[in-house]
Amino acid sequence: MAKLIAVLTIFALAACVARPCQAGYGYPNPMPSPSPPPYAPNTSSSPPPATPSPSPYIPGTPSPPPPAPITPSSPPPPYTPGTPSPPPPSPITPSSPPPPYTPSTPSPPPPTPTSPAPALAIGYYQKTCYRAEEIVRETVRDASKGIMAGLIRMFFHDCFVRGCDASVLLETADPNSATEKFGIPNLSLRGFDVINAAKAKIEEECGTVVSCADILAFAGRDATYFLSNKKVFFDMPAGRYDGRVSLINETLPNLPPPFATVAQLKANFASKGLNTDDMVTLSGAHTIGISHCSSFSDRLTSNSSDMDPTLKTKLQEECKSSSGNDNTVVQDIQTPDMLDNQYYKNILRHEVLFASDATLLTATDTSDAVSAFAKNAKQWEDKFMAAMVKMGAIEIKTSANGEIRRDCRVLN
């Protein structure tokens, strides 16, 4: 099943930058669930706010026009390092690799409920935990570029399965089913340690007030900021609750595979309330990170794709493995460590890895968008900010069907 792996890049939306970490699509390394450490409640905890005081941000029904670009009136304040992050948990070593798979037409994802989402608000934690966003930003800043790219990808993978509810962070939920974290598209996700470290700091300072879903949304926003050399900064509305359901069998039907056609991509994004322009915009996260060769190996065979011949030859060499390892390569050969509009220039030059990247030239509307973004970096940056906020409003949970976890890995 190696080619059903989804991105983010976007479709892993985004992807990792450093080679120790994978992003985008790729054949993942499985990670069994560790036993979470016991949680000691903070006696200073205060209950989550029932109603946010800031003016609400209300996401629209599926497929609304993208919101106006969010442009800061002034650069974000400088960030002062906080106390050192807790050491990450010990690496998780798989007992056996996942079975290989062959591409097939992906099952259509179940539609996202169309009932109005609850209000989200900018500055949601100003009164209950005023340093929440600062703590997340400090923790993300200390991560490697590869992990930052993984955080953008993780945000995408979370929102596309049951909405933005941190269900991808759970290591245990339903005793009869493994969680999303262990689904094939998610086995190579990176950045869990960053989320857990930020959560631990917030719990110590504020108690159980800030949801894991909001921490993940803030982390995706801040990773974008740092990877763009601090050019792409925007406010991320908050007020999400954490989901109580996480099922492994919901990952493949909901996350687009690296061999998806443009029609399949449009349908997949539409099922989440995102339009074609959002899809092309968010695909730009494939400008960072690395991918496993198994995700695009079919495009390396003779005459099997329109990939640039020079790039194809280069990748054939990089993907060779005498030991049978599934090697990794950078997704953007021009600016692999930078979140920029180079991805769209690469598409026009036929220098992209996945069939789902190349397919954007096969439809007039997506091809026009690719050309526009390749010419105008600012246009893409503005739309990317707006699309990240719009994606962050998918299927928001409330206190009625969610909770605020004390530990992001387990239910309360």
Protein backbone atom coordinates (compact mmCIF):
# COMPACT_ATOMS: atom_id res chain seq x y z
CA MET A 1 0.00 0.00 0.00
CA ALA A 2 3.04 2.31 -0.36
CA LYS A 3 1.49 4.65 -2.81
CA LEU A 4 -1.69 5.43 -1.00
CA ILE A 5 0.23 7.49 1.46
CA ALA A 6 -1.05 10.93 1.69
CA VAL A 7 0.57 14.05 1.98
CA LEU A 8 0.50 17.56 2.61
CA THR A 9 2.51 18.01 1.86
CA ILE A 10 0.30 19.13 1.47
CA PHE A 11 -0.93 16.50 1.33
CA ALA A 12 1.50 16.01 3.65
CA LEU A 13 0.94 19.53 3.71
CA ALA A 14 3.76 20.05 4.19
CA ALA A 15 6.54 18.18 4.85
CA CYS A 16 9.78 18.06 6.63
CA VAL A 17 12.92 19.79 5.60
CA ALA A 18 15.74 17.91 7.26
CA ARG A 19 16.47 14.37 6.16
CA PRO A 20 15.88 12.84 9.59
CA CYS A 21 12.20 13.63 9.11
CA GLN A 22 9.75 12.96 6.33
CA ALA A 23 6.93 15.10 5.06
CA GLY A 24 4.54 15.17 2.20
CA TYR A 25 3.76 11.74 0.89
CA GLY A 26 6.06 8.85 1.59
CA TYR A 27 6.36 5.30 2.73
CA PRO A 28 6.34 5.74 6.49
CA ASN A 29 8.19 4.05 9.28
CA PRO A 30 5.67 2.53 11.69
CA MET A 31 5.64 3.65 15.29
CA PRO A 32 3.92 1.57 17.98
CA SER A 33 2.21 3.37 20.79
CA PRO A 34 4.27 4.04 23.91
CA SER A 35 2.62 3.94 27.26
CA PRO A 36 2.00 7.56 28.25
CA PRO A 37 3.43 8.70 31.56
CA PRO A 38 1.00 9.19 34.42
CA TYR A 39 -0.50 12.63 34.52
CA ALA A 40 -0.38 14.63 37.73
CA PRO A 41 -3.10 17.30 37.67
CA ASN A 42 -2.02 20.85 38.31
CA THR A 43 -3.84 22.17 41.31
CA SER A 44 -3.88 25.62 39.80
CA SER A 45 -5.88 24.45 36.79
CA SER A 46 -8.82 26.56 35.87
CA PRO A 47 -11.79 25.36 33.79
CA PRO A 48 -11.88 26.20 30.08
CA PRO A 49 -13.80 29.34 29.20
CA ALA A 50 -17.39 28.74 28.28
CA THR A 51 -17.53 31.65 25.89
CA PRO A 52 -14.60 33.51 24.34
CA SER A 53 -14.50 37.18 25.04
CA PRO A 54 -12.89 38.35 21.77
CA SER A 55 -15.04 38.95 18.75
CA PRO A 56 -15.85 35.60 17.09
CA TYR A 57 -14.40 34.26 13.90
CA ILE A 58 -17.11 32.11 12.30
CA PRO A 59 -16.09 29.74 9.51
CA GLY A 60 -18.57 29.39 6.68
CA THR A 61 -20.27 26.37 5.27
CA PRO A 62 -18.26 24.07 2.98
CA SER A 63 -16.74 25.61 -0.15
CA PRO A 64 -17.18 29.32 0.75
CA PRO A 65 -14.93 31.77 -1.05
CA PRO A 66 -11.53 32.00 0.64
CA PRO A 67 -11.31 34.69 3.32
CA ALA A 68 -9.46 37.91 2.63
CA PRO A 69 -5.71 37.63 3.05
CA ILE A 70 -4.58 38.28 6.57
CA THR A 71 -1.79 40.85 6.65
CA PRO A 72 -0.25 41.91 9.94
CA SER A 73 -0.13 45.61 10.62
CA SER A 74 3.31 45.24 12.12
CA PRO A 75 5.87 42.44 12.45
CA PRO A 76 5.29 40.04 15.33
CA PRO A 77 7.11 40.90 18.54
CA PRO A 78 10.50 39.28 19.10
CA TYR A 79 10.39 36.03 20.92
CA THR A 80 12.34 35.51 24.09
CA PRO A 81 13.32 31.92 24.77
CA GLY A 82 11.42 30.37 27.62
CA THR A 83 12.53 27.60 29.86
CA PRO A 84 14.06 24.64 28.03
CA SER A 85 11.54 22.21 26.55
CA PRO A 86 11.19 18.89 28.36
CA PRO A 87 13.28 16.16 26.73
CA PRO A 88 11.35 14.30 23.99
CA PRO A 89 10.18 10.79 24.70
CA SER A 90 12.43 7.92 23.72
CA PRO A 91 12.32 7.03 20.03
CA ILE A 92 9.70 4.49 19.11
CA THR A 93 11.09 1.56 17.21
CA PRO A 94 8.71 -0.47 15.05
CA SER A 95 8.50 -4.18 15.50
CA SER A 96 7.80 -4.80 11.81
CA PRO A 97 7.32 -2.64 8.69
CA PRO A 98 3.87 -1.98 7.25
CA PRO A 99 2.90 -4.14 4.27
CA PRO A 100 3.58 -2.60 0.84
CA TYR A 101 0.66 -1.43 -1.20
CA THR A 102 -0.03 -0.64 -4.81
CA PRO A 103 -1.87 2.43 -6.07
CA SER A 104 -5.55 2.17 -6.70
CA THR A 105 -8.35 4.62 -6.98
CA PRO A 106 -8.77 6.02 -3.48
CA SER A 107 -12.09 5.62 -1.77
CA PRO A 108 -13.98 8.89 -1.67
CA PRO A 109 -13.64 10.50 1.74
CA PRO A 110 -16.78 10.76 3.83
CA PRO A 111 -18.20 14.28 3.61
CA THR A 112 -17.53 16.65 6.46
CA PRO A 113 -20.73 17.57 8.34
CA THR A 114 -22.24 20.76 7.00
CA SER A 115 -23.72 22.05 10.25
CA PRO A 116 -22.42 25.49 11.22
CA ALA A 117 -19.17 25.35 13.16
CA PRO A 118 -18.90 27.05 16.54
CA ALA A 119 -17.21 30.41 16.74
CA LEU A 120 -13.45 30.67 16.86
CA ALA A 121 -11.75 33.85 18.01
CA ILE A 122 -8.40 35.55 17.69
CA GLY A 123 -6.79 35.99 21.10
CA TYR A 124 -9.06 33.35 22.60
CA TYR A 125 -6.73 32.66 25.54
CA GLN A 126 -5.89 36.27 26.38
CA LYS A 127 -7.70 36.10 29.74
CA THR A 128 -7.28 32.43 30.67
CA CYS A 129 -3.69 31.76 29.53
CA TYR A 130 -2.29 34.91 27.96
CA ARG A 131 1.11 33.35 27.18
CA ALA A 132 -0.31 30.27 25.44
CA GLU A 133 0.58 31.32 21.90
CA GLU A 134 3.97 32.63 22.99
CA ILE A 135 4.81 29.31 24.64
CA VAL A 136 3.90 27.40 21.48
CA ARG A 137 5.93 29.78 19.33
CA GLU A 138 9.00 29.47 21.56
CA THR A 139 8.78 25.69 21.45
CA VAL A 140 8.42 25.60 17.66
CA ARG A 141 11.29 28.06 17.23
CA ASP A 142 13.65 25.66 19.00
CA ALA A 143 12.78 22.78 16.65
CA SER A 144 14.69 21.85 13.50
CA LYS A 145 13.43 22.94 10.10
CA GLY A 146 12.51 19.35 9.36
CA ILE A 147 10.31 19.15 12.43
CA MET A 148 8.75 22.53 11.58
CA ALA A 149 7.79 21.23 8.16
CA GLY A 150 6.37 18.14 9.86
CA LEU A 151 4.16 20.33 12.04
CA ILE A 152 2.52 21.91 8.98
CA ARG A 153 1.95 18.46 7.55
CA MET A 154 0.55 17.20 10.86
CA PHE A 155 -1.92 20.10 11.02
CA PHE A 156 -3.18 19.17 7.55
CA HIS A 157 -3.46 15.47 8.40
CA ASP A 158 -5.35 16.25 11.60
CA CYS A 159 -7.88 18.57 9.98
CA PHE A 160 -8.64 16.20 7.08
CA VAL A 161 -9.67 13.34 9.39
CA ARG A 162 -12.57 14.25 11.71
CA GLY A 163 -11.68 17.92 11.57
CA CYS A 164 -9.13 19.96 13.50
CA ASP A 165 -9.56 18.18 16.82
CA ALA A 166 -6.10 16.76 17.64
CA SER A 167 -7.39 13.23 16.99
CA VAL A 168 -4.12 12.52 15.15
CA LEU A 169 -2.22 12.97 18.43
CA LEU A 170 -4.03 10.22 20.31
CA GLU A 171 -2.14 7.01 20.98
CA THR A 172 -5.11 5.26 22.52
CA ALA A 173 -8.85 5.88 22.35
CA ASP A 174 -11.12 3.05 21.18
CA PRO A 175 -9.98 -0.24 22.75
CA ASN A 176 -11.16 -2.06 19.61
CA SER A 177 -9.20 0.03 17.11
CA ALA A 178 -5.81 1.63 16.68
CA THR A 179 -5.83 5.42 16.34
CA GLU A 180 -5.20 7.68 13.33
CA LYS A 181 -1.59 8.10 14.41
CA PHE A 182 -0.90 4.53 13.26
CA GLY A 183 -2.64 4.79 9.89
CA ILE A 184 -0.28 4.31 6.92
CA PRO A 185 -0.31 7.99 5.83
CA ASN A 186 0.56 9.09 9.38
CA LEU A 187 3.35 6.67 10.27
CA SER A 188 5.97 9.16 9.08
CA LEU A 189 4.51 12.22 10.80
CA ARG A 190 6.99 14.23 12.87
CA GLY A 191 6.58 16.91 15.50
CA PHE A 192 4.68 15.09 18.24
CA ASP A 193 7.42 15.93 20.74
CA VAL A 194 6.99 19.64 20.04
CA ILE A 195 3.26 19.49 20.69
CA ASN A 196 3.74 17.48 23.88
CA ALA A 197 6.43 19.85 25.13
CA ALA A 198 4.29 22.93 24.50
CA LYS A 199 1.33 21.28 26.20
CA ALA A 200 3.43 20.41 29.27
CA LYS A 201 4.60 24.02 29.64
CA ILE A 202 1.08 25.37 29.25
CA GLU A 203 -0.31 22.89 31.78
CA GLU A 204 2.33 23.95 34.28
CA GLU A 205 1.63 27.64 33.79
CA CYS A 206 -2.15 27.72 33.24
CA GLY A 207 -3.64 24.34 34.03
CA THR A 208 -5.99 22.48 31.70
CA VAL A 209 -7.24 25.43 29.70
CA VAL A 210 -5.67 25.22 26.22
CA SER A 211 -6.73 22.42 23.89
CA CYS A 212 -4.28 20.23 22.03
CA ALA A 213 -6.16 21.08 18.83
CA ASP A 214 -5.38 24.78 19.32
CA ILE A 215 -1.75 24.03 20.18
CA LEU A 216 -1.41 22.10 16.90
CA ALA A 217 -3.04 24.95 14.96
CA PHE A 218 -0.71 27.51 16.55
CA ALA A 219 2.28 25.26 15.82
CA GLY A 220 1.35 24.99 12.13
CA ARG A 221 1.03 28.77 11.98
CA ASP A 222 4.38 29.36 13.72
CA ALA A 223 6.21 26.76 11.62
CA THR A 224 5.00 28.64 8.54
CA TYR A 225 6.39 31.86 10.00
CA PHE A 226 9.86 30.48 10.71
CA LEU A 227 10.19 28.46 7.49
CA SER A 228 9.27 31.51 5.41
CA ASN A 229 12.08 33.49 7.03
CA LYS A 230 9.45 35.33 9.10
CA LYS A 231 7.66 36.66 6.01
CA VAL A 232 4.40 34.74 6.38
CA PHE A 233 2.74 35.61 9.68
CA PHE A 234 -0.96 35.57 10.48
CA ASP A 235 -3.38 35.29 13.36
CA MET A 236 -4.85 31.84 13.99
CA PRO A 237 -8.32 31.89 15.60
CA ALA A 238 -8.75 29.48 18.50
CA GLY A 239 -11.43 27.90 20.64
CA ARG A 240 -11.26 24.30 19.37
CA TYR A 241 -11.95 21.36 21.66
CA ASP A 242 -10.16 18.03 21.40
CA GLY A 243 -11.97 15.11 19.79
CA ARG A 244 -12.72 11.88 21.62
CA VAL A 245 -12.67 9.57 18.57
CA SER A 246 -9.64 8.49 16.53
CA LEU A 247 -9.77 5.50 14.16
CA ILE A 248 -6.98 4.07 12.03
CA ASN A 249 -9.30 3.06 9.20
CA GLU A 250 -10.34 6.66 8.55
CA THR A 251 -6.91 7.85 7.39
CA LEU A 252 -6.64 6.36 3.90
CA PRO A 253 -10.14 7.39 2.74
CA ASN A 254 -9.64 10.99 3.86
CA LEU A 255 -6.04 11.87 2.97
CA PRO A 256 -5.21 12.35 -0.73
CA PRO A 257 -2.57 9.94 -2.10
CA PRO A 258 0.52 10.99 -4.10
CA PHE A 259 -0.95 9.52 -7.28
CA ALA A 260 -4.28 11.38 -7.11
CA THR A 261 -5.64 13.01 -10.26
CA VAL A 262 -6.74 16.62 -10.34
CA ALA A 263 -10.38 15.51 -10.28
CA GLN A 264 -9.77 13.37 -7.20
CA LEU A 265 -7.93 16.22 -5.46
CA LYS A 266 -10.79 18.64 -6.15
CA ALA A 267 -13.33 16.16 -4.79
CA ASN A 268 -11.27 15.41 -1.71
CA PHE A 269 -10.81 19.06 -0.78
CA ALA A 270 -14.44 19.90 -1.59
CA SER A 271 -15.55 17.23 0.88
CA LYS A 272 -13.75 19.26 3.56
CA GLY A 273 -15.30 22.58 2.56
CA LEU A 274 -12.22 23.74 0.65
CA ASN A 275 -12.38 24.86 -2.97
CA THR A 276 -10.01 24.32 -5.89
CA ASP A 277 -8.09 27.52 -5.20
CA ASP A 278 -7.54 26.38 -1.60
CA MET A 279 -6.28 23.03 -2.90
CA VAL A 280 -3.70 24.54 -5.25
CA THR A 281 -2.66 27.04 -2.57
CA LEU A 282 -2.14 24.48 0.18
CA SER A 283 -0.27 22.21 -2.23
CA GLY A 284 2.47 24.81 -2.08
CA ALA A 285 3.58 23.29 1.22
CA HIS A 286 5.36 20.71 -0.96
CA THR A 287 8.05 23.34 -1.39
CA ILE A 288 9.62 22.01 1.82
CA GLY A 289 10.42 18.60 3.22
CA ILE A 290 11.47 15.23 1.92
CA SER A 291 9.69 12.20 0.53
CA HIS A 292 10.29 8.48 0.34
CA CYS A 293 11.11 7.21 -3.12
CA SER A 294 8.29 4.67 -2.98
CA SER A 295 5.81 7.54 -3.27
CA PHE A 296 6.86 8.41 -6.81
CA SER A 297 8.89 5.40 -8.03
CA ASP A 298 6.44 4.78 -10.88
CA ARG A 299 7.40 8.18 -12.32
CA LEU A 300 11.05 7.16 -12.56
CA THR A 301 10.57 4.36 -15.06
CA SER A 302 11.28 5.05 -18.72
CA ASN A 303 8.61 7.12 -20.50
CA SER A 304 6.21 6.77 -17.58
CA SER A 305 5.88 10.48 -16.82
CA ASP A 306 6.61 13.99 -18.01
CA MET A 307 9.28 14.47 -15.32
CA ASP A 308 12.29 16.48 -16.43
CA PRO A 309 14.85 13.94 -17.76
CA THR A 310 17.73 15.45 -15.78
CA LEU A 311 15.76 15.29 -12.55
CA LYS A 312 14.58 11.78 -13.34
CA THR A 313 18.16 10.57 -13.80
CA LYS A 314 19.24 12.27 -10.60
CA LEU A 315 16.40 10.71 -8.62
CA GLN A 316 17.02 7.26 -10.07
CA GLU A 317 20.52 7.41 -8.61
CA GLU A 318 19.39 8.81 -5.25
CA CYS A 319 16.67 6.20 -4.90
CA LYS A 320 18.95 3.22 -5.58
CA SER A 321 19.41 1.03 -2.54
CA SER A 322 21.43 -2.16 -2.37
CA SER A 323 19.90 -2.92 1.02
CA GLY A 324 16.32 -2.41 -0.10
CA ASN A 325 15.85 0.73 1.98
CA ASP A 326 13.19 3.21 0.91
CA ASN A 327 15.46 6.22 0.45
CA THR A 328 14.33 9.80 0.91
CA VAL A 329 14.92 12.86 -1.27
CA VAL A 330 14.06 16.54 -0.99
CA GLN A 331 10.78 17.60 -2.54
CA ASP A 332 12.03 20.95 -3.83
CA ILE A 333 15.45 20.67 -5.46
CA GLN A 334 15.81 24.45 -5.67
CA THR A 335 14.95 25.77 -2.16
CA PRO A 336 14.34 22.67 0.01
CA ASP A 337 14.59 24.55 3.33
CA MET A 338 12.37 27.51 2.45
CA LEU A 339 8.61 27.92 2.43
CA ASP A 340 8.20 29.91 -0.78
CA ASN A 341 6.55 29.82 -4.20
CA GLN A 342 9.33 27.76 -5.81
CA TYR A 343 7.03 24.73 -5.87
CA TYR A 344 4.90 26.33 -8.58
CA LYS A 345 7.95 27.17 -10.69
CA ASN A 346 9.02 23.55 -10.32
CA ILE A 347 5.63 22.34 -11.58
CA LEU A 348 6.00 24.44 -14.73
CA ARG A 349 9.50 23.00 -15.23
CA HIS A 350 8.26 19.44 -14.65
CA GLU A 351 10.56 19.18 -11.64
CA VAL A 352 8.13 17.81 -9.06
CA LEU A 353 8.02 14.37 -7.49
CA PHE A 354 4.40 13.31 -7.23
CA ALA A 355 1.79 12.63 -9.86
CA SER A 356 -0.54 14.71 -7.67
CA ASP A 357 1.81 17.69 -8.20
CA ALA A 358 2.16 17.24 -11.94
CA THR A 359 -1.60 16.79 -12.38
CA LEU A 360 -2.19 20.45 -11.48
CA LEU A 361 -1.20 21.30 -15.07
CA THR A 362 -3.93 19.07 -16.54
CA ALA A 363 -6.89 21.35 -15.80
CA THR A 364 -7.29 24.94 -16.92
CA ASP A 365 -8.25 26.40 -13.53
CA THR A 366 -5.47 24.69 -11.59
CA SER A 367 -2.89 25.37 -14.30
CA ASP A 368 -3.79 29.07 -14.32
CA ALA A 369 -3.40 29.20 -10.53
CA VAL A 370 0.00 27.50 -10.73
CA SER A 371 1.20 30.06 -13.28
CA ALA A 372 -0.10 32.97 -11.20
CA PHE A 373 1.57 31.75 -8.02
CA ALA A 374 4.84 31.08 -9.85
CA LYS A 375 4.90 34.72 -11.00
CA ASN A 376 3.68 36.38 -7.82
CA ALA A 377 5.09 35.16 -4.50
CA LYS A 378 3.11 37.68 -2.46
CA GLN A 379 -0.17 36.49 -3.96
CA TRP A 380 0.59 32.92 -2.92
CA GLU A 381 1.75 33.93 0.56
CA ASP A 382 -1.46 35.88 1.20
CA LYS A 383 -3.64 33.05 -0.04
CA PHE A 384 -1.66 30.47 1.92
CA MET A 385 -2.28 32.36 5.15
CA ALA A 386 -6.01 32.57 4.43
CA ALA A 387 -6.20 28.89 3.40
CA MET A 388 -4.46 27.76 6.60
CA VAL A 389 -7.05 29.65 8.67
CA LYS A 390 -9.90 28.27 6.57
CA MET A 391 -8.59 24.71 6.87
CA GLY A 392 -8.26 25.23 10.62
CA ALA A 393 -12.03 25.67 10.85
CA ILE A 394 -12.96 22.21 9.53
CA GLU A 395 -15.41 20.34 11.77
CA ILE A 396 -14.62 22.13 15.02
CA LYS A 397 -15.52 20.33 18.24
CA THR A 398 -17.21 21.98 21.22
CA SER A 399 -17.64 21.07 24.87
CA ALA A 400 -20.68 19.05 23.79
CA ASN A 401 -18.67 16.58 21.69
CA GLY A 402 -15.10 17.26 22.79
CA GLU A 403 -12.85 17.94 25.75
CA ILE A 404 -9.65 19.73 26.66
CA ARG A 405 -7.09 16.98 27.26
CA ARG A 406 -4.59 17.12 30.06
CA ASP A 407 -2.26 14.95 27.95
CA CYS A 408 -2.50 15.19 24.15
CA ARG A 409 -1.77 11.46 23.77
CA VAL A 410 -4.71 10.07 25.75
CA LEU A 411 -8.32 10.90 26.53
CA ASN A 412 -9.09 12.42 29.93
